[in-house]
Amino acid sequence: MKLSDGFDARRLRPKGPCRWRWRFAAALAALFAGIGVLLAMAGLAAVLGRATTLGPLNTTPVNGAVLLVLGVMLLWGGVRAWRGCRRRGTRHSDLSLAPHLMKKD
């Protein structure tokens, strides 16, 4: 027998703050990580002596090493920020069921 009598499950979960800010921050962090990959590749090519990608910016291996370090740092920071934004974007106040209650027999 189904007892619905005006029951609304959405009332059990209060509406939290909007998460579009975290999504925008995660997209920006992913963009930084992508730029970091490109800079690291250009720096590695300059260190190996095969680069004409960024013009006069990477004419010497020293400038290429600086680009490589800058790209790796930007990649690391972007991935770390993206993971942090993804973690904060999820709501921890949702209703949770024990795993054994979700089994279907």
Protein backbone atom coordinates (compact mmCIF):
# COMPACT_ATOMS: atom_id res chain seq x y z
CA MET A 1 0.00 0.00 0.00
CA LYS A 2 1.37 3.37 -0.99
CA LEU A 3 1.02 6.22 1.47
CA SER A 4 1.89 9.44 -0.27
CA ASP A 5 -0.43 11.96 1.48
CA GLY A 6 1.43 15.01 0.26
CA PHE A 7 4.89 13.64 0.98
CA ASP A 8 7.60 15.49 -0.89
CA ALA A 9 11.12 14.09 -0.70
CA ARG A 10 12.61 17.42 -1.79
CA ARG A 11 11.68 18.90 1.58
CA LEU A 12 14.12 16.55 3.28
CA ARG A 13 17.05 18.09 1.45
CA PRO A 14 17.40 21.79 2.06
CA LYS A 15 18.49 23.71 -0.99
CA GLY A 16 22.14 24.55 -0.62
CA PRO A 17 24.09 27.37 -2.18
CA CYS A 18 24.53 27.34 -5.93
CA ARG A 19 27.61 25.58 -7.20
CA TRP A 20 28.26 27.54 -10.37
CA ARG A 21 31.17 29.38 -8.73
CA TRP A 22 32.96 26.12 -8.03
CA ARG A 23 32.32 24.94 -11.57
CA PHE A 24 33.73 28.17 -12.99
CA ALA A 25 36.76 27.92 -10.70
CA ALA A 26 37.28 24.29 -11.74
CA ALA A 27 37.13 25.27 -15.42
CA LEU A 28 39.63 28.07 -14.83
CA ALA A 29 41.95 25.68 -12.98
CA ALA A 30 41.70 23.17 -15.84
CA LEU A 31 42.58 25.97 -18.26
CA PHE A 32 45.66 26.79 -16.17
CA ALA A 33 46.65 23.13 -16.19
CA GLY A 34 46.33 23.03 -19.97
CA ILE A 35 48.45 26.16 -20.36
CA GLY A 36 50.98 24.57 -18.02
CA VAL A 37 51.20 21.51 -20.25
CA LEU A 38 51.79 23.67 -23.31
CA LEU A 39 54.46 25.74 -21.57
CA ALA A 40 56.19 22.61 -20.28
CA MET A 41 56.23 21.11 -23.77
CA ALA A 42 57.63 24.32 -25.27
CA GLY A 43 60.26 24.51 -22.53
CA LEU A 44 61.28 20.89 -23.02
CA ALA A 45 61.60 21.44 -26.75
CA ALA A 46 63.81 24.49 -26.10
CA VAL A 47 66.00 22.55 -23.68
CA LEU A 48 66.44 19.80 -26.25
CA GLY A 49 67.34 22.39 -28.89
CA ARG A 50 64.37 21.75 -31.19
CA ALA A 51 62.27 24.80 -30.51
CA THR A 52 61.12 27.73 -32.54
CA THR A 53 57.63 27.67 -31.05
CA LEU A 54 57.61 30.83 -28.96
CA GLY A 55 59.97 32.94 -31.03
CA PRO A 56 62.57 34.96 -29.12
CA LEU A 57 61.23 33.85 -25.72
CA ASN A 58 62.97 30.49 -25.79
CA THR A 59 66.10 30.98 -27.86
CA THR A 60 68.48 29.65 -25.21
CA PRO A 61 68.34 26.46 -23.16
CA VAL A 62 68.27 28.56 -19.99
CA ASN A 63 65.06 30.27 -21.09
CA GLY A 64 63.70 26.87 -22.06
CA ALA A 65 64.47 25.51 -18.60
CA VAL A 66 62.64 28.47 -17.06
CA LEU A 67 59.64 27.76 -19.29
CA LEU A 68 59.77 24.09 -18.38
CA VAL A 69 59.79 24.82 -14.64
CA LEU A 70 57.07 27.44 -15.01
CA GLY A 71 54.92 25.04 -17.05
CA VAL A 72 55.31 22.20 -14.57
CA MET A 73 54.45 24.50 -11.65
CA LEU A 74 51.41 25.84 -13.49
CA LEU A 75 50.31 22.31 -14.35
CA TRP A 76 50.74 21.17 -10.74
CA GLY A 77 48.89 24.19 -9.36
CA GLY A 78 46.07 23.85 -11.89
CA VAL A 79 45.52 20.17 -11.17
CA ARG A 80 45.62 20.78 -7.42
CA ALA A 81 43.14 23.68 -7.67
CA TRP A 82 40.87 21.66 -9.97
CA ARG A 83 40.76 18.78 -7.52
CA GLY A 84 40.04 21.17 -4.65
CA CYS A 85 37.20 22.83 -6.54
CA ARG A 86 35.71 19.46 -7.45
CA ARG A 87 35.88 18.38 -3.82
CA ARG A 88 34.25 21.57 -2.54
CA GLY A 89 31.63 21.55 -5.26
CA THR A 90 30.10 18.32 -4.01
CA ARG A 91 27.61 18.60 -1.23
CA HIS A 92 28.40 16.71 1.93
CA SER A 93 25.04 17.35 3.57
CA ASP A 94 23.03 15.04 1.31
CA LEU A 95 21.03 12.23 2.73
CA SER A 96 23.06 9.06 2.75
CA LEU A 97 21.91 5.51 3.03
CA ALA A 98 23.93 2.64 4.39
CA PRO A 99 25.24 0.41 1.58
CA HIS A 100 23.30 -2.62 2.81
CA LEU A 101 20.02 -0.69 2.58
CA MET A 102 20.56 0.01 -1.11
CA LYS A 103 20.80 -3.65 -2.11
CA LYS A 104 17.93 -4.99 -4.17
CA ASP A 105 16.88 -8.55 -3.35
